[in-house]
Amino acid sequence: ILGTESRRHFDLFDQYDRVFAFLDGLPEAERLRPLLFLRAI
């Protein structure tokens, strides 16, 4: 499915927005933000 040509691959941005929104609520994990950002990009 992920190898299929489709505009649904734009869903990737919403999924990472969810990840960073979750991280915003975990101040104890803040130092992991650069690594998660690297993975997202």
Full PDB file with SEQRES, HELIX, SHEET, SSBOND, CRYST1, ORIGX, SCALE, CONECT and MASTER records, all heavy atoms in Angstrom:
SEQRES   1 A   41  ILE LEU GLY THR GLU SER ARG ARG HIS PHE ASP LEU PHE          
SEQRES   2 A   41  ASP GLN TYR ASP ARG VAL PHE ALA PHE LEU ASP GLY LEU          
SEQRES   3 A   41  PRO GLU ALA GLU ARG LEU ARG PRO LEU LEU PHE LEU ARG          
SEQRES   4 A   41  ALA ILE                                                      
HELIX    1 AA1 ARG A    7  PHE A   10  5                                   4    
HELIX    2 AA2 ASP A   11  ASP A   24  1                                  14    
HELIX    3 AA3 PRO A   27  LEU A   32  5                                   6    
HELIX    4 AA4 ARG A   33  ALA A   40  1                                   8    
CRYST1    1.000    1.000    1.000  90.00  90.00  90.00 P 1           1          
ORIGX1      1.000000  0.000000  0.000000        0.00000                         
ORIGX2      0.000000  1.000000  0.000000        0.00000                         
ORIGX3      0.000000  0.000000  1.000000        0.00000                         
SCALE1      1.000000  0.000000  0.000000        0.00000                         
SCALE2      0.000000  1.000000  0.000000        0.00000                         
SCALE3      0.000000  0.000000  1.000000        0.00000                         
ATOM      1  N   ILE A   1       0.823  -1.206   0.000  1.00  0.00           N  
ATOM      2  CA  ILE A   1       0.000   0.000   0.000  1.00  0.00           C  
ATOM      3  C   ILE A   1       0.859   1.258   0.000  1.00  0.00           C  
ATOM      4  O   ILE A   1       0.604   2.211  -0.739  1.00  0.00           O  
ATOM      5  CB  ILE A   1      -0.959   0.002   1.210  1.00  0.00           C  
ATOM      6  CG1 ILE A   1      -2.035  -1.068   1.034  1.00  0.00           C  
ATOM      7  CG2 ILE A   1      -1.613   1.367   1.391  1.00  0.00           C  
ATOM      8  CD1 ILE A   1      -2.965  -1.204   2.210  1.00  0.00           C  
ATOM      9  N   LEU A   2       1.925   1.247   0.823  1.00  0.00           N  
ATOM     10  CA  LEU A   2       2.763   2.429   0.914  1.00  0.00           C  
ATOM     11  C   LEU A   2       3.596   2.645  -0.344  1.00  0.00           C  
ATOM     12  O   LEU A   2       4.193   3.700  -0.520  1.00  0.00           O  
ATOM     13  CB  LEU A   2       3.667   2.344   2.144  1.00  0.00           C  
ATOM     14  CG  LEU A   2       2.949   2.414   3.494  1.00  0.00           C  
ATOM     15  CD1 LEU A   2       3.961   2.446   4.620  1.00  0.00           C  
ATOM     16  CD2 LEU A   2       2.027   3.621   3.586  1.00  0.00           C  
ATOM     17  N   GLY A   3       3.642   1.643  -1.221  1.00  0.00           N  
ATOM     18  CA  GLY A   3       4.338   1.794  -2.484  1.00  0.00           C  
ATOM     19  C   GLY A   3       3.411   2.190  -3.620  1.00  0.00           C  
ATOM     20  O   GLY A   3       3.821   2.243  -4.776  1.00  0.00           O  
ATOM     21  N   THR A   4       2.168   2.483  -3.284  1.00  0.00           N  
ATOM     22  CA  THR A   4       1.166   2.842  -4.286  1.00  0.00           C  
ATOM     23  C   THR A   4       1.124   4.352  -4.470  1.00  0.00           C  
ATOM     24  O   THR A   4       1.097   5.103  -3.495  1.00  0.00           O  
ATOM     25  CB  THR A   4      -0.227   2.350  -3.849  1.00  0.00           C  
ATOM     26  OG1 THR A   4      -0.174   0.945  -3.646  1.00  0.00           O  
ATOM     27  CG2 THR A   4      -1.268   2.679  -4.906  1.00  0.00           C  
ATOM     28  N   GLU A   5       1.118   4.787  -5.705  1.00  0.00           N  
ATOM     29  CA  GLU A   5       1.075   6.223  -5.985  1.00  0.00           C  
ATOM     30  C   GLU A   5      -0.277   6.793  -5.571  1.00  0.00           C  
ATOM     31  O   GLU A   5      -1.330   6.357  -6.041  1.00  0.00           O  
ATOM     32  CB  GLU A   5       1.317   6.459  -7.475  1.00  0.00           C  
ATOM     33  CG  GLU A   5       1.517   7.926  -7.832  1.00  0.00           C  
ATOM     34  CD  GLU A   5       1.871   8.108  -9.287  1.00  0.00           C  
ATOM     35  OE1 GLU A   5       3.018   7.801  -9.665  1.00  0.00           O  
ATOM     36  OE2 GLU A   5       0.980   8.527 -10.062  1.00  0.00           O  
ATOM     37  N   SER A   6      -0.247   7.778  -4.657  1.00  0.00           N  
ATOM     38  CA  SER A   6      -1.493   8.313  -4.122  1.00  0.00           C  
ATOM     39  C   SER A   6      -1.210   9.596  -3.354  1.00  0.00           C  
ATOM     40  O   SER A   6      -0.139   9.766  -2.759  1.00  0.00           O  
ATOM     41  CB  SER A   6      -2.145   7.293  -3.184  1.00  0.00           C  
ATOM     42  OG  SER A   6      -3.210   7.874  -2.457  1.00  0.00           O  
ATOM     43  N   ARG A   7      -2.203  10.472  -3.316  1.00  0.00           N  
ATOM     44  CA  ARG A   7      -2.096  11.675  -2.481  1.00  0.00           C  
ATOM     45  C   ARG A   7      -2.262  11.333  -1.004  1.00  0.00           C  
ATOM     46  O   ARG A   7      -2.036  12.189  -0.142  1.00  0.00           O  
ATOM     47  CB  ARG A   7      -3.149  12.701  -2.896  1.00  0.00           C  
ATOM     48  CG  ARG A   7      -2.864  13.397  -4.228  1.00  0.00           C  
ATOM     49  CD  ARG A   7      -3.836  14.549  -4.444  1.00  0.00           C  
ATOM     50  NE  ARG A   7      -3.658  15.603  -3.463  1.00  0.00           N  
ATOM     51  CZ  ARG A   7      -2.900  16.681  -3.647  1.00  0.00           C  
ATOM     52  NH1 ARG A   7      -2.228  16.862  -4.780  1.00  0.00           N  
ATOM     53  NH2 ARG A   7      -2.803  17.608  -2.703  1.00  0.00           N  
ATOM     54  N   ARG A   8      -2.629  10.100  -0.702  1.00  0.00           N  
ATOM     55  CA  ARG A   8      -2.796   9.721   0.703  1.00  0.00           C  
ATOM     56  C   ARG A   8      -1.459   9.692   1.444  1.00  0.00           C  
ATOM     57  O   ARG A   8      -1.436   9.632   2.673  1.00  0.00           O  
ATOM     58  CB  ARG A   8      -3.497   8.373   0.811  1.00  0.00           C  
ATOM     59  CG  ARG A   8      -4.951   8.426   0.337  1.00  0.00           C  
ATOM     60  CD  ARG A   8      -5.709   7.181   0.718  1.00  0.00           C  
ATOM     61  NE  ARG A   8      -5.809   7.036   2.171  1.00  0.00           N  
ATOM     62  CZ  ARG A   8      -6.353   5.979   2.761  1.00  0.00           C  
ATOM     63  NH1 ARG A   8      -6.831   4.977   2.036  1.00  0.00           N  
ATOM     64  NH2 ARG A   8      -6.414   5.909   4.088  1.00  0.00           N  
ATOM     65  N   HIS A   9      -0.351   9.771   0.713  1.00  0.00           N  
ATOM     66  CA  HIS A   9       0.942   9.864   1.380  1.00  0.00           C  
ATOM     67  C   HIS A   9       1.089  11.199   2.128  1.00  0.00           C  
ATOM     68  O   HIS A   9       1.953  11.318   2.994  1.00  0.00           O  
ATOM     69  CB  HIS A   9       2.072   9.680   0.377  1.00  0.00           C  
ATOM     70  CG  HIS A   9       2.139   8.284  -0.170  1.00  0.00           C  
ATOM     71  ND1 HIS A   9       2.597   7.221   0.570  1.00  0.00           N  
ATOM     72  CD2 HIS A   9       1.760   7.768  -1.372  1.00  0.00           C  
ATOM     73  CE1 HIS A   9       2.522   6.114  -0.152  1.00  0.00           C  
ATOM     74  NE2 HIS A   9       2.017   6.419  -1.329  1.00  0.00           N  
ATOM     75  N   PHE A  10       0.216  12.151   1.845  1.00  0.00           N  
ATOM     76  CA  PHE A  10       0.194  13.401   2.607  1.00  0.00           C  
ATOM     77  C   PHE A  10      -0.209  13.147   4.058  1.00  0.00           C  
ATOM     78  O   PHE A  10       0.012  14.007   4.921  1.00  0.00           O  
ATOM     79  CB  PHE A  10      -0.770  14.401   1.961  1.00  0.00           C  
ATOM     80  CG  PHE A  10      -0.216  15.117   0.753  1.00  0.00           C  
ATOM     81  CD1 PHE A  10      -0.082  14.460  -0.457  1.00  0.00           C  
ATOM     82  CD2 PHE A  10       0.175  16.447   0.823  1.00  0.00           C  
ATOM     83  CE1 PHE A  10       0.419  15.106  -1.582  1.00  0.00           C  
ATOM     84  CE2 PHE A  10       0.677  17.114  -0.285  1.00  0.00           C  
ATOM     85  CZ  PHE A  10       0.809  16.438  -1.496  1.00  0.00           C  
ATOM     86  N   ASP A  11      -0.805  11.993   4.355  1.00  0.00           N  
ATOM     87  CA  ASP A  11      -1.162  11.653   5.735  1.00  0.00           C  
ATOM     88  C   ASP A  11       0.055  11.650   6.650  1.00  0.00           C  
ATOM     89  O   ASP A  11      -0.075  11.788   7.869  1.00  0.00           O  
ATOM     90  CB  ASP A  11      -1.825  10.264   5.797  1.00  0.00           C  
ATOM     91  CG  ASP A  11      -3.190  10.221   5.140  1.00  0.00           C  
ATOM     92  OD1 ASP A  11      -3.726  11.292   4.810  1.00  0.00           O  
ATOM     93  OD2 ASP A  11      -3.725   9.100   4.960  1.00  0.00           O  
ATOM     94  N   LEU A  12       1.233  11.473   6.072  1.00  0.00           N  
ATOM     95  CA  LEU A  12       2.458  11.420   6.865  1.00  0.00           C  
ATOM     96  C   LEU A  12       2.608  12.658   7.743  1.00  0.00           C  
ATOM     97  O   LEU A  12       3.051  12.571   8.893  1.00  0.00           O  
ATOM     98  CB  LEU A  12       3.662  11.287   5.930  1.00  0.00           C  
ATOM     99  CG  LEU A  12       5.039  11.166   6.576  1.00  0.00           C  
ATOM    100  CD1 LEU A  12       5.146   9.889   7.399  1.00  0.00           C  
ATOM    101  CD2 LEU A  12       6.132  11.190   5.503  1.00  0.00           C  
ATOM    102  N   PHE A  13       2.227  13.820   7.224  1.00  0.00           N  
ATOM    103  CA  PHE A  13       2.399  15.061   7.984  1.00  0.00           C  
ATOM    104  C   PHE A  13       1.483  15.091   9.199  1.00  0.00           C  
ATOM    105  O   PHE A  13       1.891  15.518  10.286  1.00  0.00           O  
ATOM    106  CB  PHE A  13       2.152  16.267   7.074  1.00  0.00           C  
ATOM    107  CG  PHE A  13       3.035  16.265   5.855  1.00  0.00           C  
ATOM    108  CD1 PHE A  13       2.505  16.053   4.591  1.00  0.00           C  
ATOM    109  CD2 PHE A  13       4.401  16.436   5.975  1.00  0.00           C  
ATOM    110  CE1 PHE A  13       3.309  16.034   3.468  1.00  0.00           C  
ATOM    111  CE2 PHE A  13       5.233  16.424   4.860  1.00  0.00           C  
ATOM    112  CZ  PHE A  13       4.677  16.215   3.609  1.00  0.00           C  
ATOM    113  N   ASP A  14       0.248  14.639   9.039  1.00  0.00           N  
ATOM    114  CA  ASP A  14      -0.669  14.596  10.176  1.00  0.00           C  
ATOM    115  C   ASP A  14      -0.169  13.644  11.250  1.00  0.00           C  
ATOM    116  O   ASP A  14      -0.304  13.917  12.448  1.00  0.00           O  
ATOM    117  CB  ASP A  14      -2.064  14.162   9.723  1.00  0.00           C  
ATOM    118  CG  ASP A  14      -2.730  15.176   8.807  1.00  0.00           C  
ATOM    119  OD1 ASP A  14      -2.388  16.371   8.906  1.00  0.00           O  
ATOM    120  OD2 ASP A  14      -3.575  14.773   7.991  1.00  0.00           O  
ATOM    121  N   GLN A  15       0.419  12.520  10.818  1.00  0.00           N  
ATOM    122  CA  GLN A  15       0.899  11.548  11.808  1.00  0.00           C  
ATOM    123  C   GLN A  15       2.046  12.136  12.634  1.00  0.00           C  
ATOM    124  O   GLN A  15       2.092  11.950  13.855  1.00  0.00           O  
ATOM    125  CB  GLN A  15       1.338  10.244  11.123  1.00  0.00           C  
ATOM    126  CG  GLN A  15       0.301   9.615  10.196  1.00  0.00           C  
ATOM    127  CD  GLN A  15      -0.984   9.163  10.894  1.00  0.00           C  
ATOM    128  OE1 GLN A  15      -1.267   9.537  12.027  1.00  0.00           O  
ATOM    129  NE2 GLN A  15      -1.771   8.357  10.204  1.00  0.00           N  
ATOM    130  N   TYR A  16       2.961  12.840  11.988  1.00  0.00           N  
ATOM    131  CA  TYR A  16       4.056  13.431  12.766  1.00  0.00           C  
ATOM    132  C   TYR A  16       3.580  14.623  13.601  1.00  0.00           C  
ATOM    133  O   TYR A  16       4.119  14.876  14.692  1.00  0.00           O  
ATOM    134  CB  TYR A  16       5.223  13.819  11.862  1.00  0.00           C  
ATOM    135  CG  TYR A  16       6.142  12.646  11.619  1.00  0.00           C  
ATOM    136  CD1 TYR A  16       6.192  11.996  10.392  1.00  0.00           C  
ATOM    137  CD2 TYR A  16       6.954  12.161  12.654  1.00  0.00           C  
ATOM    138  CE1 TYR A  16       7.019  10.899  10.186  1.00  0.00           C  
ATOM    139  CE2 TYR A  16       7.787  11.064  12.449  1.00  0.00           C  
ATOM    140  CZ  TYR A  16       7.810  10.436  11.225  1.00  0.00           C  
ATOM    141  OH  TYR A  16       8.620   9.340  11.040  1.00  0.00           O  
ATOM    142  N   ASP A  17       2.583  15.347  13.145  1.00  0.00           N  
ATOM    143  CA  ASP A  17       2.007  16.391  13.996  1.00  0.00           C  
ATOM    144  C   ASP A  17       1.448  15.767  15.277  1.00  0.00           C  
ATOM    145  O   ASP A  17       1.586  16.339  16.369  1.00  0.00           O  
ATOM    146  CB  ASP A  17       0.888  17.132  13.256  1.00  0.00           C  
ATOM    147  CG  ASP A  17       1.408  18.181  12.291  1.00  0.00           C  
ATOM    148  OD1 ASP A  17       2.582  18.604  12.427  1.00  0.00           O  
ATOM    149  OD2 ASP A  17       0.643  18.593  11.393  1.00  0.00           O  
ATOM    150  N   ARG A  18       0.854  14.574  15.160  1.00  0.00           N  
ATOM    151  CA  ARG A  18       0.346  13.885  16.351  1.00  0.00           C  
ATOM    152  C   ARG A  18       1.482  13.498  17.293  1.00  0.00           C  
ATOM    153  O   ARG A  18       1.362  13.603  18.508  1.00  0.00           O  
ATOM    154  CB  ARG A  18      -0.450  12.643  15.941  1.00  0.00           C  
ATOM    155  CG  ARG A  18      -1.759  12.939  15.221  1.00  0.00           C  
ATOM    156  CD  ARG A  18      -2.532  11.663  14.908  1.00  0.00           C  
ATOM    157  NE  ARG A  18      -3.838  11.971  14.342  1.00  0.00           N  
ATOM    158  CZ  ARG A  18      -4.141  11.882  13.051  1.00  0.00           C  
ATOM    159  NH1 ARG A  18      -3.210  11.453  12.192  1.00  0.00           N  
ATOM    160  NH2 ARG A  18      -5.339  12.188  12.612  1.00  0.00           N  
ATOM    161  N   VAL A  19       2.585  13.032  16.713  1.00  0.00           N  
ATOM    162  CA  VAL A  19       3.740  12.653  17.541  1.00  0.00           C  
ATOM    163  C   VAL A  19       4.261  13.847  18.328  1.00  0.00           C  
ATOM    164  O   VAL A  19       4.493  13.761  19.543  1.00  0.00           O  
ATOM    165  CB  VAL A  19       4.866  12.058  16.663  1.00  0.00           C  
ATOM    166  CG1 VAL A  19       6.145  11.876  17.482  1.00  0.00           C  
ATOM    167  CG2 VAL A  19       4.436  10.732  16.058  1.00  0.00           C  
ATOM    168  N   PHE A  20       4.437  14.985  17.666  1.00  0.00           N  
ATOM    169  CA  PHE A  20       4.996  16.149  18.351  1.00  0.00           C  
ATOM    170  C   PHE A  20       3.997  16.745  19.341  1.00  0.00           C  
ATOM    171  O   PHE A  20       4.401  17.281  20.383  1.00  0.00           O  
ATOM    172  CB  PHE A  20       5.469  17.182  17.336  1.00  0.00           C  
ATOM    173  CG  PHE A  20       6.737  16.783  16.634  1.00  0.00           C  
ATOM    174  CD1 PHE A  20       6.728  16.410  15.294  1.00  0.00           C  
ATOM    175  CD2 PHE A  20       7.937  16.737  17.324  1.00  0.00           C  
ATOM    176  CE1 PHE A  20       7.892  16.023  14.656  1.00  0.00           C  
ATOM    177  CE2 PHE A  20       9.122  16.347  16.693  1.00  0.00           C  
ATOM    178  CZ  PHE A  20       9.091  15.993  15.361  1.00  0.00           C  
ATOM    179  N   ALA A  21       2.704  16.644  19.045  1.00  0.00           N  
ATOM    180  CA  ALA A  21       1.693  17.088  20.018  1.00  0.00           C  
ATOM    181  C   ALA A  21       1.768  16.224  21.272  1.00  0.00           C  
ATOM    182  O   ALA A  21       1.635  16.717  22.397  1.00  0.00           O  
ATOM    183  CB  ALA A  21       0.300  17.029  19.402  1.00  0.00           C  
ATOM    184  N   PHE A  22       1.980  14.923  21.084  1.00  0.00           N  
ATOM    185  CA  PHE A  22       2.123  14.020  22.229  1.00  0.00           C  
ATOM    186  C   PHE A  22       3.376  14.374  23.020  1.00  0.00           C  
ATOM    187  O   PHE A  22       3.354  14.424  24.254  1.00  0.00           O  
ATOM    188  CB  PHE A  22       2.182  12.576  21.739  1.00  0.00           C  
ATOM    189  CG  PHE A  22       2.121  11.551  22.837  1.00  0.00           C  
ATOM    190  CD1 PHE A  22       0.905  11.081  23.302  1.00  0.00           C  
ATOM    191  CD2 PHE A  22       3.281  11.057  23.407  1.00  0.00           C  
ATOM    192  CE1 PHE A  22       0.844  10.152  24.330  1.00  0.00           C  
ATOM    193  CE2 PHE A  22       3.236  10.124  24.429  1.00  0.00           C  
ATOM    194  CZ  PHE A  22       2.007   9.670  24.898  1.00  0.00           C  
ATOM    195  N   LEU A  23       4.472  14.632  22.326  1.00  0.00           N  
ATOM    196  CA  LEU A  23       5.725  14.978  22.985  1.00  0.00           C  
ATOM    197  C   LEU A  23       5.586  16.266  23.787  1.00  0.00           C  
ATOM    198  O   LEU A  23       6.199  16.407  24.863  1.00  0.00           O  
ATOM    199  CB  LEU A  23       6.837  15.113  21.942  1.00  0.00           C  
ATOM    200  CG  LEU A  23       8.234  15.474  22.454  1.00  0.00           C  
ATOM    201  CD1 LEU A  23       8.766  14.396  23.401  1.00  0.00           C  
ATOM    202  CD2 LEU A  23       9.194  15.649  21.279  1.00  0.00           C  
ATOM    203  N   ASP A  24       4.779  17.192  23.311  1.00  0.00           N  
ATOM    204  CA  ASP A  24       4.575  18.457  24.023  1.00  0.00           C  
ATOM    205  C   ASP A  24       4.055  18.233  25.439  1.00  0.00           C  
ATOM    206  O   ASP A  24       4.282  19.060  26.330  1.00  0.00           O  
ATOM    207  CB  ASP A  24       3.601  19.349  23.255  1.00  0.00           C  
ATOM    208  CG  ASP A  24       4.212  19.923  21.980  1.00  0.00           C  
ATOM    209  OD1 ASP A  24       5.446  19.919  21.861  1.00  0.00           O  
ATOM    210  OD2 ASP A  24       3.442  20.347  21.098  1.00  0.00           O  
ATOM    211  N   GLY A  25       3.344  17.128  25.647  1.00  0.00           N  
ATOM    212  CA  GLY A  25       2.797  16.829  26.969  1.00  0.00           C  
ATOM    213  C   GLY A  25       3.719  16.024  27.850  1.00  0.00           C  
ATOM    214  O   GLY A  25       3.310  15.590  28.936  1.00  0.00           O  
ATOM    215  N   LEU A  26       4.962  15.793  27.408  1.00  0.00           N  
ATOM    216  CA  LEU A  26       5.922  14.992  28.168  1.00  0.00           C  
ATOM    217  C   LEU A  26       7.215  15.791  28.375  1.00  0.00           C  
ATOM    218  O   LEU A  26       8.217  15.563  27.699  1.00  0.00           O  
ATOM    219  CB  LEU A  26       6.247  13.691  27.427  1.00  0.00           C  
ATOM    220  CG  LEU A  26       5.120  12.680  27.239  1.00  0.00           C  
ATOM    221  CD1 LEU A  26       5.594  11.521  26.369  1.00  0.00           C  
ATOM    222  CD2 LEU A  26       4.623  12.159  28.588  1.00  0.00           C  
ATOM    223  N   PRO A  27       7.203  16.736  29.298  1.00  0.00           N  
ATOM    224  CA  PRO A  27       8.415  17.550  29.496  1.00  0.00           C  
ATOM    225  C   PRO A  27       9.646  16.722  29.857  1.00  0.00           C  
ATOM    226  O   PRO A  27      10.772  17.112  29.525  1.00  0.00           O  
ATOM    227  CB  PRO A  27       8.022  18.493  30.644  1.00  0.00           C  
ATOM    228  CG  PRO A  27       6.817  17.865  31.285  1.00  0.00           C  
ATOM    229  CD  PRO A  27       6.116  17.131  30.203  1.00  0.00           C  
ATOM    230  N   GLU A  28       9.446  15.550  30.483  1.00  0.00           N  
ATOM    231  CA  GLU A  28      10.581  14.725  30.857  1.00  0.00           C  
ATOM    232  C   GLU A  28      11.268  14.101  29.645  1.00  0.00           C  
ATOM    233  O   GLU A  28      12.411  13.617  29.738  1.00  0.00           O  
ATOM    234  CB  GLU A  28      10.138  13.605  31.817  1.00  0.00           C  
ATOM    235  CG  GLU A  28       9.212  12.563  31.225  1.00  0.00           C  
ATOM    236  CD  GLU A  28       7.741  12.952  31.244  1.00  0.00           C  
ATOM    237  OE1 GLU A  28       7.443  14.155  31.466  1.00  0.00           O  
ATOM    238  OE2 GLU A  28       6.890  12.070  31.060  1.00  0.00           O  
ATOM    239  N   ALA A  29      10.586  14.109  28.480  1.00  0.00           N  
ATOM    240  CA  ALA A  29      11.158  13.535  27.258  1.00  0.00           C  
ATOM    241  C   ALA A  29      11.594  14.616  26.270  1.00  0.00           C  
ATOM    242  O   ALA A  29      11.918  14.314  25.125  1.00  0.00           O  
ATOM    243  CB  ALA A  29      10.142  12.605  26.597  1.00  0.00           C  
ATOM    244  N   GLU A  30      11.630  15.856  26.713  1.00  0.00           N  
ATOM    245  CA  GLU A  30      11.931  16.970  25.816  1.00  0.00           C  
ATOM    246  C   GLU A  30      13.288  16.813  25.126  1.00  0.00           C  
ATOM    247  O   GLU A  30      13.454  17.184  23.966  1.00  0.00           O  
ATOM    248  CB  GLU A  30      11.880  18.283  26.588  1.00  0.00           C  
ATOM    249  CG  GLU A  30      12.146  19.532  25.744  1.00  0.00           C  
ATOM    250  CD  GLU A  30      11.149  19.705  24.604  1.00  0.00           C  
ATOM    251  OE1 GLU A  30       9.995  19.239  24.742  1.00  0.00           O  
ATOM    252  OE2 GLU A  30      11.532  20.303  23.577  1.00  0.00           O  
ATOM    253  N   ARG A  31      14.252  16.241  25.807  1.00  0.00           N  
ATOM    254  CA  ARG A  31      15.579  16.119  25.202  1.00  0.00           C  
ATOM    255  C   ARG A  31      15.608  15.155  24.014  1.00  0.00           C  
ATOM    256  O   ARG A  31      16.593  15.105  23.273  1.00  0.00           O  
ATOM    257  CB  ARG A  31      16.606  15.698  26.242  1.00  0.00           C  
ATOM    258  CG  ARG A  31      16.467  14.289  26.785  1.00  0.00           C  
ATOM    259  CD  ARG A  31      17.501  14.042  27.871  1.00  0.00           C  
ATOM    260  NE  ARG A  31      17.437  12.699  28.433  1.00  0.00           N  
ATOM    261  CZ  ARG A  31      18.091  11.655  27.945  1.00  0.00           C  
ATOM    262  NH1 ARG A  31      18.850  11.799  26.871  1.00  0.00           N  
ATOM    263  NH2 ARG A  31      17.996  10.468  28.513  1.00  0.00           N  
ATOM    264  N   LEU A  32      14.516  14.411  23.830  1.00  0.00           N  
ATOM    265  CA  LEU A  32      14.431  13.499  22.694  1.00  0.00           C  
ATOM    266  C   LEU A  32      13.884  14.188  21.443  1.00  0.00           C  
ATOM    267  O   LEU A  32      13.857  13.591  20.372  1.00  0.00           O  
ATOM    268  CB  LEU A  32      13.546  12.305  23.042  1.00  0.00           C  
ATOM    269  CG  LEU A  32      14.025  11.428  24.202  1.00  0.00           C  
ATOM    270  CD1 LEU A  32      12.993  10.353  24.517  1.00  0.00           C  
ATOM    271  CD2 LEU A  32      15.370  10.799  23.888  1.00  0.00           C  
ATOM    272  N   ARG A  33      13.465  15.427  21.582  1.00  0.00           N  
ATOM    273  CA  ARG A  33      12.845  16.131  20.454  1.00  0.00           C  
ATOM    274  C   ARG A  33      13.761  16.203  19.223  1.00  0.00           C  
ATOM    275  O   ARG A  33      13.307  15.942  18.103  1.00  0.00           O  
ATOM    276  CB  ARG A  33      12.401  17.524  20.877  1.00  0.00           C  
ATOM    277  CG  ARG A  33      11.578  18.264  19.810  1.00  0.00           C  
ATOM    278  CD  ARG A  33      11.118  19.630  20.309  1.00  0.00           C  
ATOM    279  NE  ARG A  33      10.195  19.515  21.420  1.00  0.00           N  
ATOM    280  CZ  ARG A  33       8.878  19.403  21.298  1.00  0.00           C  
ATOM    281  NH1 ARG A  33       8.336  19.405  20.085  1.00  0.00           N  
ATOM    282  NH2 ARG A  33       8.120  19.317  22.361  1.00  0.00           N  
ATOM    283  N   PRO A  34      15.054  16.560  19.366  1.00  0.00           N  
ATOM    284  CA  PRO A  34      15.906  16.610  18.158  1.00  0.00           C  
ATOM    285  C   PRO A  34      15.983  15.281  17.423  1.00  0.00           C  
ATOM    286  O   PRO A  34      15.981  15.256  16.184  1.00  0.00           O  
ATOM    287  CB  PRO A  34      17.264  17.032  18.713  1.00  0.00           C  
ATOM    288  CG  PRO A  34      16.952  17.784  19.964  1.00  0.00           C  
ATOM    289  CD  PRO A  34      15.775  17.068  20.553  1.00  0.00           C  
ATOM    290  N   LEU A  35      16.037  14.167  18.161  1.00  0.00           N  
ATOM    291  CA  LEU A  35      16.109  12.862  17.507  1.00  0.00           C  
ATOM    292  C   LEU A  35      14.795  12.537  16.798  1.00  0.00           C  
ATOM    293  O   LEU A  35      14.803  12.038  15.656  1.00  0.00           O  
ATOM    294  CB  LEU A  35      16.440  11.778  18.533  1.00  0.00           C  
ATOM    295  CG  LEU A  35      16.491  10.334  18.011  1.00  0.00           C  
ATOM    296  CD1 LEU A  35      17.434  10.202  16.818  1.00  0.00           C  
ATOM    297  CD2 LEU A  35      16.900   9.379  19.127  1.00  0.00           C  
ATOM    298  N   LEU A  36      13.672  12.841  17.426  1.00  0.00           N  
ATOM    299  CA  LEU A  36      12.376  12.603  16.778  1.00  0.00           C  
ATOM    300  C   LEU A  36      12.213  13.501  15.554  1.00  0.00           C  
ATOM    301  O   LEU A  36      11.656  13.082  14.536  1.00  0.00           O  
ATOM    302  CB  LEU A  36      11.239  12.845  17.774  1.00  0.00           C  
ATOM    303  CG  LEU A  36      11.076  11.762  18.839  1.00  0.00           C  
ATOM    304  CD1 LEU A  36      10.131  12.237  19.937  1.00  0.00           C  
ATOM    305  CD2 LEU A  36      10.538  10.467  18.220  1.00  0.00           C  
ATOM    306  N   PHE A  37      12.707  14.722  15.649  1.00  0.00           N  
ATOM    307  CA  PHE A  37      12.659  15.629  14.500  1.00  0.00           C  
ATOM    308  C   PHE A  37      13.503  15.077  13.354  1.00  0.00           C  
ATOM    309  O   PHE A  37      13.076  15.083  12.184  1.00  0.00           O  
ATOM    310  CB  PHE A  37      13.152  17.007  14.920  1.00  0.00           C  
ATOM    311  CG  PHE A  37      13.118  18.028  13.816  1.00  0.00           C  
ATOM    312  CD1 PHE A  37      11.930  18.647  13.464  1.00  0.00           C  
ATOM    313  CD2 PHE A  37      14.263  18.367  13.127  1.00  0.00           C  
ATOM    314  CE1 PHE A  37      11.887  19.585  12.443  1.00  0.00           C  
ATOM    315  CE2 PHE A  37      14.241  19.308  12.109  1.00  0.00           C  
ATOM    316  CZ  PHE A  37      13.047  19.920  11.762  1.00  0.00           C  
ATOM    317  N   LEU A  38      14.697  14.586  13.677  1.00  0.00           N  
ATOM    318  CA  LEU A  38      15.551  13.961  12.666  1.00  0.00           C  
ATOM    319  C   LEU A  38      14.831  12.814  11.981  1.00  0.00           C  
ATOM    320  O   LEU A  38      14.850  12.697  10.744  1.00  0.00           O  
ATOM    321  CB  LEU A  38      16.828  13.450  13.329  1.00  0.00           C  
ATOM    322  CG  LEU A  38      17.726  12.538  12.479  1.00  0.00           C  
ATOM    323  CD1 LEU A  38      18.418  13.348  11.399  1.00  0.00           C  
ATOM    324  CD2 LEU A  38      18.761  11.832  13.353  1.00  0.00           C  
ATOM    325  N   ARG A  39      14.157  11.966  12.766  1.00  0.00           N  
ATOM    326  CA  ARG A  39      13.434  10.821  12.201  1.00  0.00           C  
ATOM    327  C   ARG A  39      12.296  11.299  11.296  1.00  0.00           C  
ATOM    328  O   ARG A  39      12.053  10.728  10.229  1.00  0.00           O  
ATOM    329  CB  ARG A  39      12.892   9.938  13.317  1.00  0.00           C  
ATOM    330  CG  ARG A  39      13.961   9.316  14.197  1.00  0.00           C  
ATOM    331  CD  ARG A  39      14.844   8.369  13.421  1.00  0.00           C  
ATOM    332  NE  ARG A  39      14.151   7.130  13.114  1.00  0.00           N  
ATOM    333  CZ  ARG A  39      14.512   6.282  12.164  1.00  0.00           C  
ATOM    334  NH1 ARG A  39      15.549   6.544  11.403  1.00  0.00           N  
ATOM    335  NH2 ARG A  39      13.834   5.175  11.961  1.00  0.00           N  
ATOM    336  N   ALA A  40      11.607  12.353  11.711  1.00  0.00           N  
ATOM    337  CA  ALA A  40      10.489  12.875  10.912  1.00  0.00           C  
ATOM    338  C   ALA A  40      10.989  13.404   9.567  1.00  0.00           C  
ATOM    339  O   ALA A  40      10.408  13.085   8.506  1.00  0.00           O  
ATOM    340  CB  ALA A  40       9.769  13.980  11.683  1.00  0.00           C  
ATOM    341  N   ILE A  41      12.049  14.189   9.585  1.00  0.00           N  
ATOM    342  CA  ILE A  41      12.546  14.779   8.340  1.00  0.00           C  
ATOM    343  C   ILE A  41      13.146  13.702   7.441  1.00  0.00           C  
ATOM    344  O   ILE A  41      12.970  13.725   6.211  1.00  0.00           O  
ATOM    345  CB  ILE A  41      13.565  15.898   8.636  1.00  0.00           C  
ATOM    346  CG1 ILE A  41      12.917  16.972   9.514  1.00  0.00           C  
ATOM    347  CG2 ILE A  41      14.067  16.508   7.337  1.00  0.00           C  
ATOM    348  CD1 ILE A  41      11.609  17.541   8.966  1.00  0.00           C  
TER     349      ILE A  41                                                      
MASTER        0    0    0    4    0    0    0    6  348    1    0    4          
END                                                                             
